[in-house]
Amino acid sequence: MIKLRFDVDYPYDSRTKSYLSIALGIKKRRGMDYLKNARVIAKMVNESSKEVMAYWFFTPYTIPDEKLLELLNPVKHEVALHIANNPYQEWKILENETNRTVKYYTIHGTERLIAQLLW
């Protein structure tokens, strides 16, 4: 089996915009298409003839939209949490927003000074 891990960390394709939105606590509006690449990858996983399991780690700022959730079937995809600040609260938010049981988590890295200030 091929196991893939995807960290969906930032809500914008620009790190500067992402840093600002996270620092100011602004969540991405649903109408904006920041999950386009994730949907492409999810389709590739679904169409693969190989045995594949993809683990998707979302932060509170990158919760999947309905289009992506439709592609993340539980047979080949696992929705997981990439903890930013408050593990319990973020866990519950992700479960409520996705209507899935979250079984896996990681802690967002804070190696760099800017990341330490943001997260």
Protein backbone atom coordinates (compact mmCIF):
# COMPACT_ATOMS: atom_id res chain seq x y z
CA MET A 1 0.00 0.00 0.00
CA ILE A 2 1.14 3.52 -0.81
CA LYS A 3 0.53 5.96 2.05
CA LEU A 4 0.50 9.68 1.35
CA ARG A 5 0.44 12.56 3.80
CA PHE A 6 -0.81 16.02 2.84
CA ASP A 7 -0.52 19.01 5.15
CA VAL A 8 -3.04 21.64 4.10
CA ASP A 9 -1.42 24.41 6.14
CA TYR A 10 -2.10 27.75 4.57
CA PRO A 11 -5.33 29.21 3.18
CA TYR A 12 -3.67 31.26 0.41
CA ASP A 13 -1.18 30.40 -2.30
CA SER A 14 0.87 33.35 -1.04
CA ARG A 15 2.66 32.83 2.27
CA THR A 16 2.44 36.54 3.04
CA LYS A 17 -1.35 36.56 2.67
CA SER A 18 -1.57 33.34 4.66
CA TYR A 19 0.58 34.71 7.47
CA LEU A 20 -1.51 37.88 7.65
CA SER A 21 -4.83 36.03 7.66
CA ILE A 22 -3.66 33.63 10.37
CA ALA A 23 -2.10 36.39 12.47
CA LEU A 24 -5.31 38.41 12.28
CA GLY A 25 -7.52 35.36 12.84
CA ILE A 26 -9.29 35.75 9.49
CA LYS A 27 -10.64 32.49 8.07
CA LYS A 28 -10.75 32.08 4.32
CA ARG A 29 -14.11 32.70 2.70
CA ARG A 30 -15.71 29.59 1.25
CA GLY A 31 -16.15 31.16 -2.18
CA MET A 32 -12.42 31.42 -2.78
CA ASP A 33 -10.79 28.43 -4.46
CA TYR A 34 -7.79 27.69 -2.26
CA LEU A 35 -8.42 23.92 -2.36
CA LYS A 36 -8.18 23.56 -6.14
CA ASN A 37 -4.87 21.66 -6.04
CA ALA A 38 -6.10 19.43 -3.22
CA ARG A 39 -9.09 18.43 -5.36
CA VAL A 40 -6.79 17.55 -8.27
CA ILE A 41 -4.66 15.35 -6.00
CA ALA A 42 -7.74 13.71 -4.45
CA LYS A 43 -9.02 12.82 -7.94
CA MET A 44 -5.63 11.32 -8.80
CA VAL A 45 -5.71 9.18 -5.65
CA ASN A 46 -9.27 8.06 -6.39
CA GLU A 47 -8.38 7.09 -9.97
CA SER A 48 -5.19 5.26 -9.04
CA SER A 49 -5.11 1.57 -9.82
CA LYS A 50 -2.66 1.13 -6.93
CA GLU A 51 -3.71 0.58 -3.34
CA VAL A 52 -3.41 4.10 -1.89
CA MET A 53 -4.33 5.74 1.40
CA ALA A 54 -4.10 9.53 1.64
CA TYR A 55 -4.01 11.27 5.01
CA TRP A 56 -5.12 14.93 4.79
CA PHE A 57 -4.07 17.12 7.72
CA PHE A 58 -6.16 20.32 7.81
CA THR A 59 -5.64 23.35 10.06
CA PRO A 60 -8.60 25.39 11.38
CA TYR A 61 -7.86 27.83 8.54
CA THR A 62 -8.02 25.24 5.75
CA ILE A 63 -11.08 23.11 6.51
CA PRO A 64 -12.17 21.29 3.33
CA ASP A 65 -15.15 22.53 1.38
CA GLU A 66 -18.01 20.33 0.15
CA LYS A 67 -16.40 19.71 -3.25
CA LEU A 68 -13.24 18.36 -1.67
CA LEU A 69 -15.15 16.36 0.95
CA GLU A 70 -17.06 14.57 -1.82
CA LEU A 71 -13.72 13.44 -3.25
CA LEU A 72 -12.29 12.33 0.10
CA ASN A 73 -14.03 8.99 0.29
CA PRO A 74 -13.14 7.05 3.46
CA VAL A 75 -11.83 4.07 1.48
CA LYS A 76 -8.80 5.98 0.15
CA HIS A 77 -8.75 9.16 2.25
CA GLU A 78 -8.50 10.04 5.94
CA VAL A 79 -9.40 13.52 7.21
CA ALA A 80 -7.02 14.49 10.02
CA LEU A 81 -6.13 17.55 12.11
CA HIS A 82 -3.00 19.69 11.87
CA ILE A 83 -3.20 21.37 15.29
CA ALA A 84 -2.43 25.07 15.39
CA ASN A 85 -3.32 26.29 18.90
CA ASN A 86 -6.19 24.59 20.70
CA PRO A 87 -6.26 20.82 20.09
CA TYR A 88 -9.65 19.97 21.58
CA GLN A 89 -11.50 22.92 20.07
CA GLU A 90 -9.90 22.46 16.64
CA TRP A 91 -10.64 18.72 16.74
CA LYS A 92 -14.34 19.36 17.40
CA ILE A 93 -14.54 22.08 14.72
CA LEU A 94 -13.01 19.78 12.08
CA GLU A 95 -15.33 16.91 13.01
CA ASN A 96 -18.39 19.17 12.93
CA GLU A 97 -17.44 20.88 9.65
CA THR A 98 -16.58 17.64 7.84
CA ASN A 99 -19.05 15.29 9.51
CA ARG A 100 -16.20 12.80 9.91
CA THR A 101 -14.53 11.19 12.89
CA VAL A 102 -10.99 12.51 13.21
CA LYS A 103 -8.60 9.77 14.29
CA TYR A 104 -5.22 11.32 13.48
CA TYR A 105 -3.46 14.55 14.28
CA THR A 106 -0.13 16.31 14.01
CA ILE A 107 1.14 19.47 15.64
CA HIS A 108 1.97 22.35 13.35
CA GLY A 109 5.70 23.04 13.34
CA THR A 110 6.91 26.24 14.93
CA GLU A 111 10.58 26.03 14.06
CA ARG A 112 10.80 29.54 12.60
CA LEU A 113 10.21 32.72 14.57
CA ILE A 114 7.34 33.89 12.34
CA ALA A 115 5.62 30.51 12.74
CA GLN A 116 6.05 30.73 16.50
CA LEU A 117 4.36 34.12 16.52
CA LEU A 118 1.51 32.96 14.27
CA TRP A 119 0.68 29.61 15.77
